[in-house]
């Protein structure tokens, strides 16, 4: 069972109808908590994203994250309108709330079960999940506005959508570059202050974007990607800190959401909500994926897995709070239905993803992330980068001492990883196949040496 679902159940047990008896029924406070938590979660996702890998699937990912979210909401709204006997606009609001996916929980499941996915499934799903939340937010807010102000213009909302996406991207990129400069040039005196700096910059970035009318969620996600695309000091410690902070944010978020829900109110709508959940999982999501990826070179099996990995998580439940805060009619119904659908998605999809990946034959051995034995801190005036290179069996360097490799001046092989050990390199060290070389060199030197000797990035 997904760990976050356990925290959701823990919150329900601690709530007013559980054994804890904690009274918590304030959607406004919950919305404030959720905004901060989601900003930190999305920033951590962007910071852990390798743009050099995900850019090859950027078109497919952004198509699913924008058009895909809209079409999913459209298909699901048609079904929900009939199931709950409500107007199409009300059903569209309900569907918009549930239209985005949460891949963070998916890969937590895959890692815990020692399963990975064949390329390019993992980067595609990561980029989609990190960039589809803004579209769901904008659709939800737009539907709320149309329900409260029927005279509101749809075209104004479309322009608002474009504006918010554009401003979110612009502010996210600028704040990413600003954060990079500050991290690398600001001498804070204490290493422990750098995580404080980056956390503050995340919240400032979200705030600035919200003030100018952009998508704060998109801004903080892109900010993380921009920072990760360049070398920066204290990289390992900052990645570890924000990964832990993201988990803490998710735990706080799910426990608080569990406190907010009343289990007794889920029972009357359980049957109808189950129908909507099944429709979302086996009709809306697959139909949209197959349609939008029809001309993609991805195989049918990979498209099928993408369709199945439509796991709903924290964002839909958080968006379910928006109608409560805005005072939309039937807001409590929307929140309870969304909460139920998320639980069904976590139980049905979350527990079967590894099995489905193996059944479709698109799983791959999980390669554990290896921690380097030292951390490189860039300083002013030094252009070198610390990289880990792998020596394949066919490399001309195999069997050759380091001194005879003809390496450029300043290209330093610091350590040689062989098996589970690291060897301090010197001129007499003989390179062997499958060695992992920890090198310090400038980018131009790496581009010259890697193809000549057949070395590849680890």
Protein backbone atom coordinates (compact mmCIF):
# COMPACT_ATOMS: atom_id res chain seq x y z
CA UNK A 1 0.00 0.00 0.00
CA UNK A 2 1.34 3.49 -0.83
CA UNK A 3 2.87 5.03 2.29
CA UNK A 4 1.08 8.35 1.81
CA UNK A 5 -2.29 6.58 1.86
CA UNK A 6 -1.41 5.30 5.33
CA UNK A 7 -0.83 8.89 6.48
CA UNK A 8 -4.20 9.81 4.99
CA UNK A 9 -5.85 7.03 7.00
CA UNK A 10 -3.88 8.12 10.08
CA UNK A 11 -5.34 11.61 9.73
CA UNK A 12 -8.86 10.14 9.47
CA UNK A 13 -8.28 8.06 12.61
CA UNK A 14 -7.02 11.14 14.46
CA UNK A 15 -9.97 13.26 13.27
CA UNK A 16 -13.25 14.14 14.95
CA UNK A 17 -14.88 10.85 13.86
CA UNK A 18 -11.83 8.75 14.73
CA UNK A 19 -10.21 7.69 17.96
CA UNK A 20 -8.19 10.93 18.18
CA UNK A 21 -11.23 13.21 18.29
CA UNK A 22 -9.31 16.19 16.85
CA UNK A 23 -11.71 18.85 15.56
CA UNK A 24 -10.46 20.34 12.28
CA UNK A 25 -12.96 21.81 9.83
CA UNK A 26 -11.33 24.92 8.37
CA UNK A 27 -10.84 24.71 4.55
CA UNK A 28 -9.17 28.13 4.47
CA UNK A 29 -6.32 27.07 6.78
CA UNK A 30 -6.07 23.77 4.88
CA UNK A 31 -5.68 25.70 1.62
CA UNK A 32 -2.80 27.75 3.08
CA UNK A 33 -1.08 24.57 4.28
CA UNK A 34 -1.56 22.89 0.92
CA UNK A 35 -0.18 25.81 -1.13
CA UNK A 36 3.08 25.87 0.83
CA UNK A 37 3.40 22.08 0.87
CA UNK A 38 2.75 21.68 -2.87
CA UNK A 39 5.22 24.45 -3.73
CA UNK A 40 7.98 22.66 -1.79
CA UNK A 41 7.02 19.27 -3.27
CA UNK A 42 7.09 20.56 -6.87
CA UNK A 43 10.38 22.39 -6.35
CA UNK A 44 11.98 19.20 -5.05
CA UNK A 45 10.67 17.35 -8.12
CA UNK A 46 12.18 19.95 -10.44
CA UNK A 47 15.48 19.95 -8.54
CA UNK A 48 15.72 16.17 -9.02
CA UNK A 49 14.92 16.35 -12.76
CA UNK A 50 17.70 15.95 -15.33
CA UNK A 51 16.64 18.24 -18.19
CA UNK A 52 19.14 16.63 -20.57
CA UNK A 53 17.10 13.41 -20.25
CA UNK A 54 13.54 14.74 -20.09
CA UNK A 55 13.84 17.21 -22.97
CA UNK A 56 13.62 14.38 -25.52
CA UNK A 57 10.09 13.60 -24.26
CA UNK A 58 9.12 17.22 -23.58
CA UNK A 59 6.60 17.38 -26.44
CA UNK A 60 4.70 14.26 -25.32
CA UNK A 61 4.85 15.29 -21.66
CA UNK A 62 3.61 18.83 -22.17
CA UNK A 63 0.89 17.62 -24.55
CA UNK A 64 -0.44 15.28 -21.87
CA UNK A 65 0.02 17.98 -19.21
CA UNK A 66 -2.07 20.57 -21.08
CA UNK A 67 -4.37 19.18 -23.77
CA UNK A 68 -4.44 15.83 -21.99
CA UNK A 69 -5.65 17.35 -18.72
CA UNK A 70 -8.38 19.29 -20.53
CA UNK A 71 -9.61 16.28 -22.54
CA UNK A 72 -9.53 14.05 -19.44
CA UNK A 73 -11.73 16.55 -17.62
CA UNK A 74 -14.06 16.78 -20.63
CA UNK A 75 -14.55 13.00 -20.93
CA UNK A 76 -14.95 12.51 -17.19
CA UNK A 77 -17.40 15.41 -16.92
CA UNK A 78 -19.69 13.76 -19.48
CA UNK A 79 -19.81 10.63 -17.30
CA UNK A 80 -20.02 12.42 -13.92
CA UNK A 81 -22.89 14.59 -15.11
CA UNK A 82 -24.98 11.46 -15.73
CA UNK A 83 -23.85 9.59 -12.59
CA UNK A 84 -24.62 12.44 -10.15
CA UNK A 85 -27.44 14.05 -12.18
CA UNK A 86 -25.82 17.49 -12.13
CA UNK A 87 -25.27 20.12 -14.81
CA UNK A 88 -22.36 19.74 -17.21
CA UNK A 89 -20.60 22.80 -15.75
CA UNK A 90 -20.82 21.34 -12.23
CA UNK A 91 -19.55 18.02 -13.56
CA UNK A 92 -16.74 19.86 -15.36
CA UNK A 93 -15.67 21.41 -12.05
CA UNK A 94 -15.64 17.98 -10.42
CA UNK A 95 -13.68 16.47 -13.32
CA UNK A 96 -11.21 19.37 -13.46
CA UNK A 97 -10.33 18.81 -9.82
CA UNK A 98 -9.40 15.18 -10.61
CA UNK A 99 -7.70 15.81 -13.95
CA UNK A 100 -4.01 15.91 -12.88
CA UNK A 101 -1.75 12.98 -11.97
CA UNK A 102 0.73 12.40 -9.15
CA UNK A 103 3.77 10.46 -10.36
CA UNK A 104 5.76 11.10 -7.18
CA UNK A 105 3.77 8.41 -5.41
CA UNK A 106 4.15 6.12 -8.43
CA UNK A 107 7.94 6.10 -8.36
CA UNK A 108 8.01 5.78 -4.58
CA UNK A 109 6.08 2.53 -5.13
CA UNK A 110 8.41 1.39 -7.92
CA UNK A 111 11.50 2.04 -5.80
CA UNK A 112 10.06 0.21 -2.82
CA UNK A 113 9.30 -2.83 -4.99
CA UNK A 114 12.70 -2.68 -6.74
CA UNK A 115 11.16 -2.02 -10.17
CA UNK A 116 12.11 0.55 -12.77
CA UNK A 117 10.71 1.42 -16.20
CA UNK A 118 12.21 1.27 -19.66
CA UNK A 119 13.33 4.51 -21.26
CA UNK A 120 11.69 6.98 -21.82
CA UNK A 121 8.73 6.14 -19.57
CA UNK A 122 10.16 7.44 -16.31
CA UNK A 123 11.21 10.94 -17.54
CA UNK A 124 7.99 11.27 -19.54
CA UNK A 125 5.79 10.54 -16.54
CA UNK A 126 7.91 12.70 -14.24
CA UNK A 127 7.74 15.72 -16.53
CA UNK A 128 4.01 15.25 -17.12
CA UNK A 129 3.22 15.03 -13.42
CA UNK A 130 5.39 18.04 -12.59
CA UNK A 131 3.83 20.26 -15.25
CA UNK A 132 0.15 19.21 -15.32
CA UNK A 133 -0.89 20.68 -11.96
CA UNK A 134 -1.11 24.29 -13.25
CA UNK A 135 -3.60 23.26 -15.95
CA UNK A 136 -5.79 21.48 -13.41
CA UNK A 137 -5.65 24.50 -11.09
CA UNK A 138 -6.61 26.88 -13.89
CA UNK A 139 -9.51 24.69 -15.05
CA UNK A 140 -10.79 24.38 -11.48
CA UNK A 141 -10.60 28.12 -10.80
CA UNK A 142 -12.23 28.85 -14.17
CA UNK A 143 -15.17 26.53 -13.53
CA UNK A 144 -15.68 28.02 -10.06
CA UNK A 145 -15.78 31.50 -11.59
CA UNK A 146 -18.34 30.43 -14.21
CA UNK A 147 -20.54 28.84 -11.53
CA UNK A 148 -20.43 31.90 -9.27
CA UNK A 149 -20.51 34.48 -12.11
CA UNK A 150 -22.45 32.94 -15.05
CA UNK A 151 -21.82 36.05 -17.17
CA UNK A 152 -18.03 35.48 -17.08
CA UNK A 153 -16.45 35.13 -20.53
CA UNK A 154 -14.92 31.79 -21.51
CA UNK A 155 -12.48 33.54 -23.85
CA UNK A 156 -11.25 35.72 -21.01
CA UNK A 157 -10.56 32.52 -19.08
CA UNK A 158 -8.63 31.05 -22.02
CA UNK A 159 -6.49 34.17 -22.24
CA UNK A 160 -6.01 33.98 -18.48
CA UNK A 161 -4.80 30.41 -18.87
CA UNK A 162 -2.22 31.41 -21.48
CA UNK A 163 -1.11 34.39 -19.38
CA UNK A 164 -0.68 32.35 -16.23
CA UNK A 165 1.32 29.63 -17.98
CA UNK A 166 3.55 32.20 -19.71
CA UNK A 167 4.17 34.28 -16.57
CA UNK A 168 4.79 31.14 -14.52
CA UNK A 169 7.43 29.99 -17.01
CA UNK A 170 9.10 33.43 -17.17
CA UNK A 171 9.23 33.97 -13.40
CA UNK A 172 10.34 30.38 -12.82
CA UNK A 173 13.26 30.74 -15.24
CA UNK A 174 14.34 34.13 -13.89
CA UNK A 175 14.12 33.02 -10.24
CA UNK A 176 16.04 29.86 -11.12
CA UNK A 177 18.92 31.91 -12.52
CA UNK A 178 18.77 34.31 -9.56
CA UNK A 179 18.82 31.39 -7.13
CA UNK A 180 21.81 29.86 -8.92
CA UNK A 181 23.77 33.11 -8.67
CA UNK A 182 22.93 33.56 -5.00
CA UNK A 183 23.80 29.97 -4.07
CA UNK A 184 27.16 30.10 -5.87
CA UNK A 185 28.18 33.65 -4.92
CA UNK A 186 26.61 34.45 -1.55
CA UNK A 187 28.93 33.59 1.33
CA UNK A 188 26.58 32.80 4.21
CA UNK A 189 29.30 31.55 6.52
CA UNK A 190 27.42 28.42 7.58
CA UNK A 191 26.54 25.49 5.29
CA UNK A 192 23.27 24.97 7.13
CA UNK A 193 21.96 28.33 5.91
CA UNK A 194 21.91 27.34 2.23
CA UNK A 195 18.82 25.10 2.60
CA UNK A 196 17.15 28.03 4.40
CA UNK A 197 18.05 30.28 1.46
CA UNK A 198 16.65 27.91 -1.19
CA UNK A 199 13.46 27.28 0.81
CA UNK A 200 12.89 31.02 1.15
CA UNK A 201 13.50 31.51 -2.58
CA UNK A 202 10.89 28.85 -3.40
CA UNK A 203 8.22 30.63 -1.36
CA UNK A 204 9.27 34.05 -2.72
CA UNK A 205 9.09 32.70 -6.28
CA UNK A 206 5.57 31.38 -5.70
CA UNK A 207 4.53 34.68 -4.11
CA UNK A 208 5.92 36.86 -6.90
CA UNK A 209 4.24 34.73 -9.55
CA UNK A 210 0.90 34.85 -7.75
CA UNK A 211 1.12 38.65 -7.41
CA UNK A 212 1.72 39.18 -11.15
CA UNK A 213 -1.05 36.72 -12.05
CA UNK A 214 1.00 33.70 -13.10
CA UNK A 215 1.01 30.03 -12.15
CA UNK A 216 3.07 29.70 -8.97
CA UNK A 217 3.17 25.91 -9.16
CA UNK A 218 4.69 25.98 -12.64
CA UNK A 219 7.15 28.67 -11.56
CA UNK A 220 8.60 26.71 -8.63
CA UNK A 221 8.83 23.51 -10.68
CA UNK A 222 10.73 25.25 -13.51
CA UNK A 223 12.87 27.05 -10.94
CA UNK A 224 14.01 23.65 -9.66
CA UNK A 225 14.78 22.42 -13.19
CA UNK A 226 16.83 25.56 -14.00
CA UNK A 227 18.90 25.20 -10.82
CA UNK A 228 19.48 21.48 -11.47
CA UNK A 229 20.69 22.16 -15.02
CA UNK A 230 23.81 24.01 -13.80
CA UNK A 231 26.56 23.22 -11.26
CA UNK A 232 25.96 24.71 -7.82
CA UNK A 233 27.61 24.47 -4.42
CA UNK A 234 26.42 22.05 -1.73
CA UNK A 235 24.54 20.09 -4.39
CA UNK A 236 24.36 16.80 -2.50
CA UNK A 237 23.26 18.35 0.80
CA UNK A 238 20.65 20.58 -0.89
CA UNK A 239 19.19 17.66 -2.85
CA UNK A 240 18.98 15.56 0.32
CA UNK A 241 17.43 18.41 2.30
CA UNK A 242 14.72 19.21 -0.24
CA UNK A 243 13.94 15.53 -0.77
CA UNK A 244 13.37 15.16 2.97
CA UNK A 245 11.41 18.44 3.08
CA UNK A 246 9.19 17.23 0.22
CA UNK A 247 8.41 14.02 2.11
CA UNK A 248 7.68 15.97 5.28
CA UNK A 249 5.38 18.30 3.28
CA UNK A 250 3.52 15.33 1.80
CA UNK A 251 3.10 13.70 5.21
CA UNK A 252 1.79 16.93 6.78
CA UNK A 253 -0.49 17.46 3.79
CA UNK A 254 -2.01 13.97 3.85
CA UNK A 255 -2.47 13.86 7.62
CA UNK A 256 -4.18 17.29 7.52
CA UNK A 257 -6.42 16.17 4.64
CA UNK A 258 -7.34 13.09 6.66
CA UNK A 259 -8.30 15.33 9.58
CA UNK A 260 -10.47 17.48 7.30
CA UNK A 261 -12.58 14.64 5.90
CA UNK A 262 -15.57 13.08 7.68
CA UNK A 263 -15.65 9.31 6.92
CA UNK A 264 -19.40 9.10 7.62
CA UNK A 265 -20.04 11.46 4.69
CA UNK A 266 -18.18 9.19 2.28
CA UNK A 267 -20.55 6.24 2.70
CA UNK A 268 -23.65 7.78 1.03
CA UNK A 269 -21.71 8.68 -2.13
CA UNK A 270 -19.46 5.59 -2.23
CA UNK A 271 -21.34 3.79 -5.03
CA UNK A 272 -21.49 6.77 -7.39
CA UNK A 273 -17.92 7.84 -6.58
CA UNK A 274 -16.68 4.31 -7.33
CA UNK A 275 -18.30 4.49 -10.79
CA UNK A 276 -16.56 7.82 -11.46
CA UNK A 277 -13.22 6.40 -10.25
CA UNK A 278 -13.51 3.39 -12.57
CA UNK A 279 -14.51 5.68 -15.46
CA UNK A 280 -11.45 7.86 -14.82
CA UNK A 281 -9.05 4.90 -14.59
CA UNK A 282 -10.28 2.69 -17.45
CA UNK A 283 -12.05 5.15 -19.80
CA UNK A 284 -10.99 8.81 -19.57
CA UNK A 285 -7.25 8.47 -18.96
CA UNK A 286 -6.60 5.63 -21.48
CA UNK A 287 -8.73 7.26 -24.19
CA UNK A 288 -6.84 10.55 -23.91
CA UNK A 289 -3.40 8.89 -23.79
CA UNK A 290 -4.04 6.71 -26.86
CA UNK A 291 -5.48 9.69 -28.76
CA UNK A 292 -2.70 12.19 -28.01
CA UNK A 293 0.12 9.65 -28.41
CA UNK A 294 -1.33 8.05 -31.57
CA UNK A 295 1.54 9.36 -33.72
CA UNK A 296 4.21 8.85 -31.07
CA UNK A 297 6.94 6.25 -31.75
CA UNK A 298 6.22 4.71 -28.35
CA UNK A 299 5.05 1.10 -28.48
CA UNK A 300 1.48 0.12 -27.60
CA UNK A 301 2.68 -1.50 -24.37
CA UNK A 302 4.43 1.67 -23.24
CA UNK A 303 1.34 3.74 -24.07
CA UNK A 304 -0.74 1.29 -22.06
CA UNK A 305 1.48 1.71 -19.02
CA UNK A 306 1.30 5.51 -19.36
CA UNK A 307 -2.48 5.17 -19.43
CA UNK A 308 -2.46 3.03 -16.28
CA UNK A 309 -0.04 5.31 -14.41
CA UNK A 310 -2.68 8.00 -13.94
CA UNK A 311 -2.41 7.89 -10.18
CA UNK A 312 -4.32 10.63 -8.37
CA UNK A 313 -2.73 12.02 -5.21
CA UNK A 314 -2.49 15.17 -3.13
CA UNK A 315 -3.28 17.79 -5.79
CA UNK A 316 -6.86 16.64 -6.58
CA UNK A 317 -7.76 16.55 -2.87
CA UNK A 318 -6.23 20.00 -2.39
CA UNK A 319 -8.15 21.34 -5.41
CA UNK A 320 -11.27 19.85 -3.84
CA UNK A 321 -10.87 22.45 -1.08
CA UNK A 322 -11.13 25.36 -3.56
CA UNK A 323 -14.94 25.10 -3.98
CA UNK A 324 -15.33 24.89 -0.18
CA UNK A 325 -13.37 28.12 0.30
CA UNK A 326 -15.20 29.86 -2.57
CA UNK A 327 -18.64 28.84 -1.27
CA UNK A 328 -19.71 26.97 -4.42
CA UNK A 329 -23.02 25.05 -4.14
CA UNK A 330 -22.50 21.29 -3.61
CA UNK A 331 -18.86 21.96 -2.64
CA UNK A 332 -18.96 19.31 0.08
CA UNK A 333 -20.12 16.73 -2.47
CA UNK A 334 -17.18 17.54 -4.75
CA UNK A 335 -14.66 17.23 -1.92
CA UNK A 336 -16.02 13.89 -0.69
CA UNK A 337 -16.16 12.41 -4.20
CA UNK A 338 -12.60 13.52 -4.98
CA UNK A 339 -11.34 12.15 -1.67
CA UNK A 340 -12.98 8.78 -2.39
CA UNK A 341 -11.63 8.65 -5.96
CA UNK A 342 -8.08 9.38 -4.75
CA UNK A 343 -8.30 6.52 -2.25
CA UNK A 344 -9.57 4.12 -4.94
CA UNK A 345 -6.81 5.24 -7.34
CA UNK A 346 -4.13 4.73 -4.69
CA UNK A 347 -5.43 1.27 -3.77
CA UNK A 348 -6.17 0.01 -7.29
CA UNK A 349 -3.43 1.63 -9.37
CA UNK A 350 -0.84 2.26 -6.69
CA UNK A 351 -0.63 -1.38 -5.64
CA UNK A 352 -0.69 -2.86 -9.16
CA UNK A 353 1.77 -0.65 -11.10
CA UNK A 354 4.77 -2.98 -10.58
CA UNK A 355 2.67 -5.99 -11.62
CA UNK A 356 1.29 -4.22 -14.71
CA UNK A 357 4.80 -3.05 -15.73
CA UNK A 358 6.09 -6.63 -15.54
CA UNK A 359 3.03 -8.00 -17.36
CA UNK A 360 3.51 -5.52 -20.21
CA UNK A 361 7.26 -6.20 -20.31
CA UNK A 362 8.23 -2.55 -19.89
CA UNK A 363 9.96 -2.92 -16.52
CA UNK A 364 13.74 -2.73 -16.12
CA UNK A 365 16.13 -3.58 -13.30
CA UNK A 366 16.26 -0.87 -10.67
CA UNK A 367 19.74 0.69 -10.69
CA UNK A 368 20.48 2.19 -7.26
CA UNK A 369 21.79 5.73 -7.25
CA UNK A 370 25.45 5.59 -6.25
CA UNK A 371 26.74 8.23 -3.85
CA UNK A 372 30.15 9.63 -4.75
CA UNK A 373 32.79 9.41 -1.98
CA UNK A 374 33.40 13.17 -2.09
CA UNK A 375 31.55 16.38 -2.91
CA UNK A 376 32.90 19.04 -5.23
CA UNK A 377 32.26 22.68 -4.34
CA UNK A 378 32.72 25.07 -7.32
CA UNK A 379 34.70 28.24 -6.62
CA UNK A 380 35.15 31.46 -8.55
CA UNK A 381 37.74 31.32 -11.33
CA UNK A 382 37.63 27.52 -11.67
CA UNK A 383 35.63 26.22 -14.66
CA UNK A 384 36.19 22.51 -13.98
CA UNK A 385 33.32 20.16 -13.19
CA UNK A 386 33.26 16.90 -11.25
CA UNK A 387 31.86 14.06 -13.37
CA UNK A 388 31.64 10.28 -13.12
CA UNK A 389 32.48 8.52 -16.41
CA UNK A 390 32.11 4.83 -17.26
CA UNK A 391 34.69 2.95 -19.34
CA UNK A 392 32.86 0.47 -21.63
CA UNK A 393 34.45 -2.83 -22.67
CA UNK A 394 35.22 -1.57 -26.20
CA UNK A 395 37.00 1.60 -25.12
CA UNK A 396 40.54 2.10 -26.53
CA UNK A 397 41.57 3.13 -23.00
CA UNK A 398 41.14 -0.42 -21.63
CA UNK A 399 44.54 -1.84 -20.56
CA UNK A 400 46.26 1.55 -20.89
CA UNK A 401 47.97 3.43 -18.04
CA UNK A 402 46.57 6.90 -17.29
CA UNK A 403 49.85 8.55 -18.30
CA UNK A 404 49.51 7.12 -21.85
CA UNK A 405 45.91 8.25 -22.49
CA UNK A 406 46.90 11.63 -23.95
CA UNK A 407 44.57 13.57 -21.68
CA UNK A 408 44.42 17.38 -22.01
CA UNK A 409 46.33 19.46 -19.50
CA UNK A 410 44.18 20.01 -16.43
CA UNK A 411 42.03 16.90 -17.06
CA UNK A 412 42.36 15.05 -13.73
CA UNK A 413 41.26 11.48 -12.98
CA UNK A 414 40.88 11.73 -9.21
CA UNK A 415 39.45 8.31 -8.31
CA UNK A 416 38.86 5.03 -10.15
CA UNK A 417 35.82 3.06 -9.02
CA UNK A 418 36.33 -0.67 -9.48
CA UNK A 419 33.67 -2.97 -8.08
CA UNK A 420 32.79 -1.70 -4.60
CA UNK A 421 36.10 0.10 -4.11
CA UNK A 422 37.62 3.42 -5.14
CA UNK A 423 41.32 3.62 -6.06
CA UNK A 424 43.35 6.84 -5.90
CA UNK A 425 44.54 7.40 -9.46
CA UNK A 426 48.12 8.09 -10.55
CA UNK A 427 50.01 7.92 -13.85
CA UNK A 428 50.65 4.16 -13.52
CA UNK A 429 47.00 3.24 -12.88
CA UNK A 430 45.85 0.89 -15.67
CA UNK A 431 42.29 1.50 -16.89
CA UNK A 432 40.03 -1.57 -16.98
CA UNK A 433 36.66 -2.22 -18.58
CA UNK A 434 33.65 -1.09 -16.50
CA UNK A 435 35.81 1.25 -14.42
CA UNK A 436 34.03 4.32 -13.06
CA UNK A 437 36.27 7.36 -13.34
CA UNK A 438 35.73 10.35 -11.08
CA UNK A 439 37.22 13.17 -13.16
CA UNK A 440 37.71 16.90 -12.72
CA UNK A 441 37.72 18.70 -16.06
CA UNK A 442 36.28 21.61 -18.03
CA UNK A 443 33.22 21.05 -20.23
CA UNK A 444 35.23 21.51 -23.44
CA UNK A 445 37.77 18.89 -22.32
CA UNK A 446 34.98 16.43 -21.52
CA UNK A 447 33.46 16.90 -24.99
CA UNK A 448 36.86 16.16 -26.55
CA UNK A 449 37.84 13.16 -24.40
CA UNK A 450 34.53 11.29 -24.09
CA UNK A 451 34.02 10.43 -27.80
CA UNK A 452 37.73 9.80 -28.41
CA UNK A 453 38.04 7.24 -25.63
CA UNK A 454 34.43 6.02 -25.73
CA UNK A 455 33.69 7.05 -22.16
CA UNK A 456 30.09 7.80 -21.17
CA UNK A 457 28.39 9.65 -18.31
CA UNK A 458 27.46 7.41 -15.37
